[in-house]
Amino acid sequence: MNASSPRTAGALGLVALLSLPVWAAELNGAAAAGKAVSNGQALYGTYCAACHQADGAGISGAFPPLKGSAVVNRDDATKHIDVVLAGLQGARVSGVIYTAPMPAFAATLSDTDIAAIIDYERGAWGNHGSLVAQAQVASERVRLK
């Protein structure tokens, strides 16, 4: 049987048709990931950048940097999630105590929004923390109550 026979052409068409959903799912997954990053960046700009700055550098003595932060870059994101959900005041970062309070966002933002912000922070400015799932944020929200 050669590639020009109707039977082979039909089989090749079937293979292409069957592989289309996989290709489409991969495309949709990439588009969703891009949208999540964009959403996380927008949410960060709205809720976090005034204190931690657009470049994640923070304000010395007032708001800690997120760029290069040990909490942001840890493989285990639990502390990062907890801080965003419950807020924090008086944290010591690299020997500096930051007395300005960080508000709790548990009552303000959804699990999806918090995961998007955290994922943005963990991937921006050279950070390399593992990403989080909405379910992980939801689990921490329940644990903190």
N, C-alpha and C. Protein backbone atom coordinates (compact mmCIF):
# COMPACT_ATOMS: atom_id res chain seq x y z
N MET A 1 0.85 -1.17 0.00
CA MET A 1 0.00 0.00 0.00
C MET A 1 0.90 1.23 0.00
N ASN A 2 0.61 2.24 -0.85
CA ASN A 2 1.42 3.45 -0.86
C ASN A 2 0.62 4.62 -0.31
N ALA A 3 1.31 5.74 -0.06
CA ALA A 3 0.69 6.90 0.58
C ALA A 3 -0.39 7.54 -0.26
N SER A 4 -0.39 7.26 -1.55
CA SER A 4 -1.39 7.90 -2.41
C SER A 4 -2.66 7.08 -2.54
N SER A 5 -2.69 5.87 -1.98
CA SER A 5 -3.90 5.06 -2.11
C SER A 5 -5.01 5.65 -1.24
N PRO A 6 -6.27 5.51 -1.67
CA PRO A 6 -7.38 6.05 -0.89
C PRO A 6 -7.43 5.48 0.52
N ARG A 7 -7.07 4.20 0.67
CA ARG A 7 -7.12 3.58 1.99
C ARG A 7 -6.09 4.22 2.92
N THR A 8 -4.87 4.45 2.43
CA THR A 8 -3.83 5.08 3.24
C THR A 8 -4.19 6.52 3.55
N ALA A 9 -4.69 7.22 2.56
CA ALA A 9 -5.08 8.62 2.78
C ALA A 9 -6.17 8.71 3.84
N GLY A 10 -7.12 7.78 3.80
CA GLY A 10 -8.17 7.77 4.81
C GLY A 10 -7.63 7.49 6.19
N ALA A 11 -6.68 6.55 6.28
CA ALA A 11 -6.07 6.23 7.56
C ALA A 11 -5.29 7.42 8.10
N LEU A 12 -4.56 8.10 7.22
CA LEU A 12 -3.79 9.28 7.66
C LEU A 12 -4.72 10.39 8.12
N GLY A 13 -5.84 10.55 7.42
CA GLY A 13 -6.82 11.55 7.84
C GLY A 13 -7.42 11.23 9.19
N LEU A 14 -7.67 9.95 9.45
CA LEU A 14 -8.21 9.51 10.73
C LEU A 14 -7.21 9.78 11.85
N VAL A 15 -5.93 9.48 11.60
CA VAL A 15 -4.89 9.75 12.60
C VAL A 15 -4.84 11.24 12.90
N ALA A 16 -4.89 12.07 11.87
CA ALA A 16 -4.85 13.51 12.07
C ALA A 16 -6.07 13.97 12.86
N LEU A 17 -7.23 13.43 12.55
CA LEU A 17 -8.45 13.79 13.24
C LEU A 17 -8.39 13.37 14.71
N LEU A 18 -7.91 12.16 14.97
CA LEU A 18 -7.83 11.68 16.34
C LEU A 18 -6.80 12.46 17.16
N SER A 19 -5.76 12.97 16.53
CA SER A 19 -4.76 13.71 17.28
C SER A 19 -5.15 15.17 17.48
N LEU A 20 -6.15 15.65 16.79
CA LEU A 20 -6.57 17.04 16.92
C LEU A 20 -6.97 17.40 18.35
N PRO A 21 -7.79 16.60 19.03
CA PRO A 21 -8.14 16.99 20.40
C PRO A 21 -6.93 17.13 21.31
N VAL A 22 -5.91 16.30 21.15
CA VAL A 22 -4.70 16.42 21.96
C VAL A 22 -4.02 17.74 21.68
N TRP A 23 -3.89 18.07 20.42
CA TRP A 23 -3.27 19.33 20.02
C TRP A 23 -4.10 20.50 20.55
N ALA A 24 -5.41 20.42 20.41
CA ALA A 24 -6.29 21.49 20.88
C ALA A 24 -6.20 21.63 22.39
N ALA A 25 -6.14 20.52 23.11
CA ALA A 25 -6.02 20.57 24.57
C ALA A 25 -4.71 21.22 24.98
N GLU A 26 -3.62 20.89 24.26
CA GLU A 26 -2.33 21.51 24.57
C GLU A 26 -2.39 23.01 24.31
N LEU A 27 -3.01 23.41 23.21
CA LEU A 27 -3.14 24.82 22.89
C LEU A 27 -3.98 25.52 23.96
N ASN A 28 -5.10 24.92 24.35
CA ASN A 28 -5.95 25.50 25.39
C ASN A 28 -5.21 25.60 26.71
N GLY A 29 -4.40 24.59 27.04
CA GLY A 29 -3.62 24.62 28.28
C GLY A 29 -2.61 25.75 28.26
N ALA A 30 -1.94 25.95 27.14
CA ALA A 30 -0.97 27.04 27.02
C ALA A 30 -1.67 28.39 27.11
N ALA A 31 -2.82 28.50 26.48
CA ALA A 31 -3.58 29.75 26.54
C ALA A 31 -4.05 30.02 27.96
N ALA A 32 -4.50 28.99 28.65
CA ALA A 32 -4.94 29.15 30.04
C ALA A 32 -3.79 29.57 30.93
N ALA A 33 -2.62 28.98 30.74
CA ALA A 33 -1.44 29.35 31.53
C ALA A 33 -1.07 30.80 31.28
N GLY A 34 -1.10 31.22 30.03
CA GLY A 34 -0.80 32.61 29.70
C GLY A 34 -1.80 33.56 30.32
N LYS A 35 -3.07 33.17 30.30
CA LYS A 35 -4.12 34.00 30.90
C LYS A 35 -3.94 34.08 32.41
N ALA A 36 -3.56 32.97 33.05
CA ALA A 36 -3.35 32.97 34.50
C ALA A 36 -2.21 33.89 34.89
N VAL A 37 -1.12 33.87 34.13
CA VAL A 37 0.01 34.76 34.41
C VAL A 37 -0.42 36.21 34.26
N SER A 38 -1.12 36.51 33.19
CA SER A 38 -1.60 37.86 32.95
C SER A 38 -2.54 38.30 34.06
N ASN A 39 -3.44 37.42 34.48
CA ASN A 39 -4.37 37.71 35.56
C ASN A 39 -3.61 37.92 36.87
N GLY A 40 -2.64 37.08 37.15
CA GLY A 40 -1.84 37.21 38.37
C GLY A 40 -1.09 38.53 38.40
N GLN A 41 -0.55 38.92 37.26
CA GLN A 41 0.18 40.19 37.17
C GLN A 41 -0.78 41.36 37.41
N ALA A 42 -1.96 41.31 36.82
CA ALA A 42 -2.95 42.38 36.99
C ALA A 42 -3.40 42.45 38.45
N LEU A 43 -3.67 41.31 39.06
CA LEU A 43 -4.08 41.29 40.47
C LEU A 43 -2.96 41.79 41.37
N TYR A 44 -1.72 41.40 41.08
CA TYR A 44 -0.57 41.89 41.84
C TYR A 44 -0.52 43.41 41.75
N GLY A 45 -0.71 43.95 40.54
CA GLY A 45 -0.69 45.39 40.36
C GLY A 45 -1.76 46.09 41.17
N THR A 46 -2.91 45.47 41.30
CA THR A 46 -4.02 46.06 42.05
C THR A 46 -3.85 45.95 43.56
N TYR A 47 -3.43 44.78 44.04
CA TYR A 47 -3.43 44.52 45.48
C TYR A 47 -2.07 44.56 46.17
N CYS A 48 -0.99 44.44 45.43
CA CYS A 48 0.32 44.24 46.07
C CYS A 48 1.37 45.28 45.71
N ALA A 49 1.33 45.80 44.49
CA ALA A 49 2.41 46.63 43.98
C ALA A 49 2.59 47.95 44.74
N ALA A 50 1.54 48.49 45.32
CA ALA A 50 1.69 49.75 46.05
C ALA A 50 2.69 49.61 47.20
N CYS A 51 2.73 48.46 47.81
CA CYS A 51 3.67 48.22 48.91
C CYS A 51 4.94 47.51 48.45
N HIS A 52 4.77 46.41 47.74
CA HIS A 52 5.93 45.60 47.34
C HIS A 52 6.57 46.09 46.04
N GLN A 53 5.97 47.11 45.41
CA GLN A 53 6.46 47.75 44.20
C GLN A 53 6.28 46.86 42.97
N ALA A 54 6.18 47.49 41.83
CA ALA A 54 5.96 46.77 40.57
C ALA A 54 7.11 45.81 40.26
N ASP A 55 8.31 46.16 40.73
CA ASP A 55 9.48 45.32 40.47
C ASP A 55 9.76 44.32 41.59
N GLY A 56 8.86 44.23 42.58
CA GLY A 56 9.01 43.28 43.68
C GLY A 56 10.09 43.64 44.67
N ALA A 57 10.68 44.82 44.57
CA ALA A 57 11.80 45.21 45.44
C ALA A 57 11.36 45.67 46.82
N GLY A 58 10.07 45.92 47.03
CA GLY A 58 9.60 46.40 48.32
C GLY A 58 10.10 47.81 48.61
N ILE A 59 9.90 48.25 49.84
CA ILE A 59 10.39 49.54 50.30
C ILE A 59 11.17 49.29 51.58
N SER A 60 12.44 49.56 51.55
CA SER A 60 13.34 49.25 52.66
C SER A 60 12.80 49.75 53.99
N GLY A 61 12.71 48.84 54.94
CA GLY A 61 12.25 49.16 56.28
C GLY A 61 10.74 49.23 56.43
N ALA A 62 10.00 49.28 55.32
CA ALA A 62 8.55 49.36 55.40
C ALA A 62 7.87 48.10 54.88
N PHE A 63 8.20 47.71 53.65
CA PHE A 63 7.58 46.55 53.02
C PHE A 63 8.67 45.66 52.43
N PRO A 64 8.70 44.39 52.82
CA PRO A 64 9.79 43.51 52.38
C PRO A 64 9.77 43.23 50.88
N PRO A 65 10.94 42.97 50.33
CA PRO A 65 11.01 42.61 48.92
C PRO A 65 10.45 41.21 48.69
N LEU A 66 9.82 41.02 47.56
CA LEU A 66 9.40 39.69 47.13
C LEU A 66 10.41 39.11 46.15
N LYS A 67 11.11 40.00 45.47
CA LYS A 67 12.17 39.60 44.55
C LYS A 67 13.30 38.97 45.38
N GLY A 68 13.59 37.70 45.10
CA GLY A 68 14.65 37.00 45.82
C GLY A 68 14.26 36.54 47.21
N SER A 69 13.01 36.68 47.59
CA SER A 69 12.54 36.29 48.92
C SER A 69 12.63 34.78 49.13
N ALA A 70 13.13 34.39 50.30
CA ALA A 70 13.21 32.96 50.63
C ALA A 70 11.82 32.33 50.67
N VAL A 71 10.86 33.03 51.22
CA VAL A 71 9.49 32.50 51.31
C VAL A 71 8.90 32.30 49.92
N VAL A 72 9.12 33.25 49.04
CA VAL A 72 8.58 33.18 47.68
C VAL A 72 9.27 32.08 46.87
N ASN A 73 10.52 31.82 47.15
CA ASN A 73 11.29 30.86 46.36
C ASN A 73 11.32 29.45 46.94
N ARG A 74 10.72 29.23 48.09
CA ARG A 74 10.67 27.88 48.67
C ARG A 74 9.85 26.95 47.79
N ASP A 75 10.26 25.67 47.77
CA ASP A 75 9.45 24.66 47.07
C ASP A 75 8.08 24.52 47.73
N ASP A 76 8.06 24.55 49.06
CA ASP A 76 6.81 24.46 49.81
C ASP A 76 6.21 25.86 49.91
N ALA A 77 5.07 26.06 49.28
CA ALA A 77 4.44 27.38 49.22
C ALA A 77 3.53 27.69 50.41
N THR A 78 3.47 26.81 51.39
CA THR A 78 2.52 26.98 52.50
C THR A 78 2.65 28.33 53.19
N LYS A 79 3.84 28.73 53.57
CA LYS A 79 4.05 30.01 54.26
C LYS A 79 3.62 31.17 53.37
N HIS A 80 3.96 31.11 52.10
CA HIS A 80 3.59 32.16 51.16
C HIS A 80 2.07 32.29 51.09
N ILE A 81 1.38 31.18 50.98
CA ILE A 81 -0.08 31.19 50.93
C ILE A 81 -0.65 31.74 52.23
N ASP A 82 -0.11 31.29 53.37
CA ASP A 82 -0.60 31.74 54.67
C ASP A 82 -0.47 33.25 54.84
N VAL A 83 0.65 33.81 54.39
CA VAL A 83 0.86 35.25 54.52
C VAL A 83 -0.16 36.02 53.68
N VAL A 84 -0.42 35.57 52.49
CA VAL A 84 -1.40 36.26 51.63
C VAL A 84 -2.81 36.12 52.21
N LEU A 85 -3.15 34.96 52.71
CA LEU A 85 -4.48 34.75 53.29
C LEU A 85 -4.68 35.51 54.60
N ALA A 86 -3.73 35.40 55.51
CA ALA A 86 -3.90 35.91 56.88
C ALA A 86 -3.22 37.25 57.15
N GLY A 87 -2.36 37.70 56.25
CA GLY A 87 -1.63 38.93 56.48
C GLY A 87 -0.44 38.69 57.41
N LEU A 88 0.29 39.75 57.71
CA LEU A 88 1.49 39.60 58.53
C LEU A 88 1.96 40.98 58.98
N GLN A 89 2.54 41.02 60.17
CA GLN A 89 3.15 42.25 60.66
C GLN A 89 4.33 41.88 61.53
N GLY A 90 5.38 42.66 61.44
CA GLY A 90 6.55 42.44 62.27
C GLY A 90 7.48 41.34 61.79
N ALA A 91 7.44 41.02 60.52
CA ALA A 91 8.29 39.95 59.99
C ALA A 91 9.74 40.43 59.91
N ARG A 92 10.65 39.51 60.14
CA ARG A 92 12.07 39.79 60.00
C ARG A 92 12.55 39.16 58.69
N VAL A 93 13.09 39.99 57.82
CA VAL A 93 13.60 39.52 56.53
C VAL A 93 15.03 40.02 56.40
N SER A 94 15.95 39.09 56.29
CA SER A 94 17.38 39.42 56.17
C SER A 94 17.82 40.40 57.25
N GLY A 95 17.35 40.17 58.48
CA GLY A 95 17.76 40.98 59.61
C GLY A 95 16.99 42.27 59.79
N VAL A 96 16.10 42.61 58.87
CA VAL A 96 15.31 43.84 58.95
C VAL A 96 13.90 43.47 59.41
N ILE A 97 13.40 44.19 60.43
CA ILE A 97 12.03 43.97 60.88
C ILE A 97 11.13 44.96 60.15
N TYR A 98 10.10 44.41 59.50
CA TYR A 98 9.15 45.22 58.75
C TYR A 98 7.89 45.38 59.59
N THR A 99 7.67 46.61 60.09
CA THR A 99 6.56 46.84 61.01
C THR A 99 5.25 47.20 60.32
N ALA A 100 5.31 47.63 59.07
CA ALA A 100 4.07 47.97 58.35
C ALA A 100 3.25 46.70 58.16
N PRO A 101 1.96 46.75 58.49
CA PRO A 101 1.15 45.54 58.38
C PRO A 101 0.80 45.20 56.93
N MET A 102 0.81 43.91 56.64
CA MET A 102 0.28 43.43 55.38
C MET A 102 -1.14 42.95 55.67
N PRO A 103 -2.11 43.44 54.91
CA PRO A 103 -3.49 43.03 55.18
C PRO A 103 -3.73 41.57 54.79
N ALA A 104 -4.72 40.99 55.44
CA ALA A 104 -5.17 39.64 55.09
C ALA A 104 -6.08 39.76 53.87
N PHE A 105 -5.92 38.85 52.92
CA PHE A 105 -6.73 38.88 51.71
C PHE A 105 -7.74 37.73 51.65
N ALA A 106 -7.86 36.96 52.73
CA ALA A 106 -8.78 35.81 52.73
C ALA A 106 -10.22 36.24 52.49
N ALA A 107 -10.62 37.36 53.04
CA ALA A 107 -12.00 37.82 52.89
C ALA A 107 -12.21 38.61 51.60
N THR A 108 -11.12 39.01 50.96
CA THR A 108 -11.20 39.88 49.79
C THR A 108 -11.07 39.13 48.47
N LEU A 109 -10.17 38.14 48.43
CA LEU A 109 -9.84 37.46 47.18
C LEU A 109 -10.21 35.99 47.20
N SER A 110 -10.57 35.47 46.05
CA SER A 110 -10.90 34.05 45.90
C SER A 110 -9.63 33.20 45.91
N ASP A 111 -9.81 31.90 46.06
CA ASP A 111 -8.68 30.97 45.99
C ASP A 111 -7.98 31.08 44.64
N THR A 112 -8.76 31.22 43.59
CA THR A 112 -8.21 31.35 42.24
C THR A 112 -7.36 32.60 42.11
N ASP A 113 -7.86 33.72 42.63
CA ASP A 113 -7.11 34.98 42.56
C ASP A 113 -5.83 34.92 43.39
N ILE A 114 -5.91 34.36 44.57
CA ILE A 114 -4.72 34.25 45.42
C ILE A 114 -3.68 33.34 44.77
N ALA A 115 -4.12 32.23 44.21
CA ALA A 115 -3.18 31.34 43.51
C ALA A 115 -2.53 32.08 42.34
N ALA A 116 -3.29 32.87 41.61
CA ALA A 116 -2.74 33.62 40.46
C ALA A 116 -1.69 34.63 40.92
N ILE A 117 -1.98 35.35 41.99
CA ILE A 117 -1.01 36.33 42.52
C ILE A 117 0.25 35.62 42.97
N ILE A 118 0.10 34.56 43.73
CA ILE A 118 1.27 33.83 44.24
C ILE A 118 2.08 33.25 43.09
N ASP A 119 1.42 32.68 42.11
CA ASP A 119 2.14 32.14 40.95
C ASP A 119 2.91 33.25 40.23
N TYR A 120 2.29 34.41 40.10
CA TYR A 120 2.99 35.54 39.47
C TYR A 120 4.23 35.90 40.29
N GLU A 121 4.07 36.05 41.59
CA GLU A 121 5.20 36.42 42.45
C GLU A 121 6.31 35.36 42.40
N ARG A 122 5.94 34.09 42.30
CA ARG A 122 6.91 33.01 42.30
C ARG A 122 7.64 32.86 40.97
N GLY A 123 7.13 33.51 39.93
CA GLY A 123 7.78 33.41 38.63
C GLY A 123 8.35 34.73 38.12
N ALA A 124 8.06 35.84 38.81
CA ALA A 124 8.52 37.15 38.35
C ALA A 124 9.88 37.51 38.97
N TRP A 125 10.55 38.46 38.35
CA TRP A 125 11.77 39.08 38.89
C TRP A 125 12.90 38.08 39.16
N GLY A 126 12.92 36.99 38.43
CA GLY A 126 13.96 35.98 38.63
C GLY A 126 13.65 34.97 39.72
N ASN A 127 12.48 35.07 40.34
CA ASN A 127 12.09 34.09 41.36
C ASN A 127 11.85 32.74 40.71
N HIS A 128 11.94 31.69 41.51
CA HIS A 128 11.83 30.33 40.98
C HIS A 128 11.05 29.40 41.90
N GLY A 129 10.10 29.95 42.67
CA GLY A 129 9.30 29.11 43.56
C GLY A 129 8.35 28.22 42.78
N SER A 130 8.00 27.10 43.36
CA SER A 130 7.05 26.20 42.71
C SER A 130 5.67 26.86 42.69
N LEU A 131 4.92 26.57 41.65
CA LEU A 131 3.60 27.17 41.50
C LEU A 131 2.60 26.48 42.42
N VAL A 132 1.50 27.15 42.66
CA VAL A 132 0.48 26.61 43.55
C VAL A 132 -0.82 26.38 42.78
N ALA A 133 -1.63 25.53 43.33
CA ALA A 133 -2.94 25.25 42.75
C ALA A 133 -4.02 25.90 43.60
N GLN A 134 -5.12 26.19 42.97
CA GLN A 134 -6.27 26.76 43.67
C GLN A 134 -6.65 25.87 44.86
N ALA A 135 -6.60 24.56 44.68
CA ALA A 135 -6.96 23.61 45.75
C ALA A 135 -6.03 23.75 46.95
N GLN A 136 -4.76 24.05 46.70
CA GLN A 136 -3.79 24.23 47.78
C GLN A 136 -4.17 25.48 48.60
N VAL A 137 -4.57 26.55 47.93
CA VAL A 137 -4.99 27.76 48.62
C VAL A 137 -6.26 27.47 49.43
N ALA A 138 -7.20 26.75 48.83
CA ALA A 138 -8.44 26.40 49.52
C ALA A 138 -8.17 25.58 50.78
N SER A 139 -7.26 24.65 50.68
CA SER A 139 -6.89 23.80 51.82
C SER A 139 -6.29 24.65 52.94
N GLU A 140 -5.42 25.57 52.60
CA GLU A 140 -4.81 26.45 53.61
C GLU A 140 -5.86 27.38 54.22
N ARG A 141 -6.77 27.84 53.41
CA ARG A 141 -7.84 28.73 53.91
C ARG A 141 -8.64 28.00 55.00
N VAL A 142 -8.98 26.74 54.76
CA VAL A 142 -9.73 25.95 55.74
C VAL A 142 -8.87 25.71 56.98
N ARG A 143 -7.61 25.39 56.79
CA ARG A 143 -6.72 25.11 57.93
C ARG A 143 -6.53 26.33 58.83
N LEU A 144 -6.51 27.52 58.25
CA LEU A 144 -6.27 28.74 59.02
C LEU A 144 -7.51 29.23 59.80
N LYS A 145 -8.68 28.71 59.45
CA LYS A 145 -9.92 29.17 60.14
C LYS A 145 -9.98 28.70 61.56
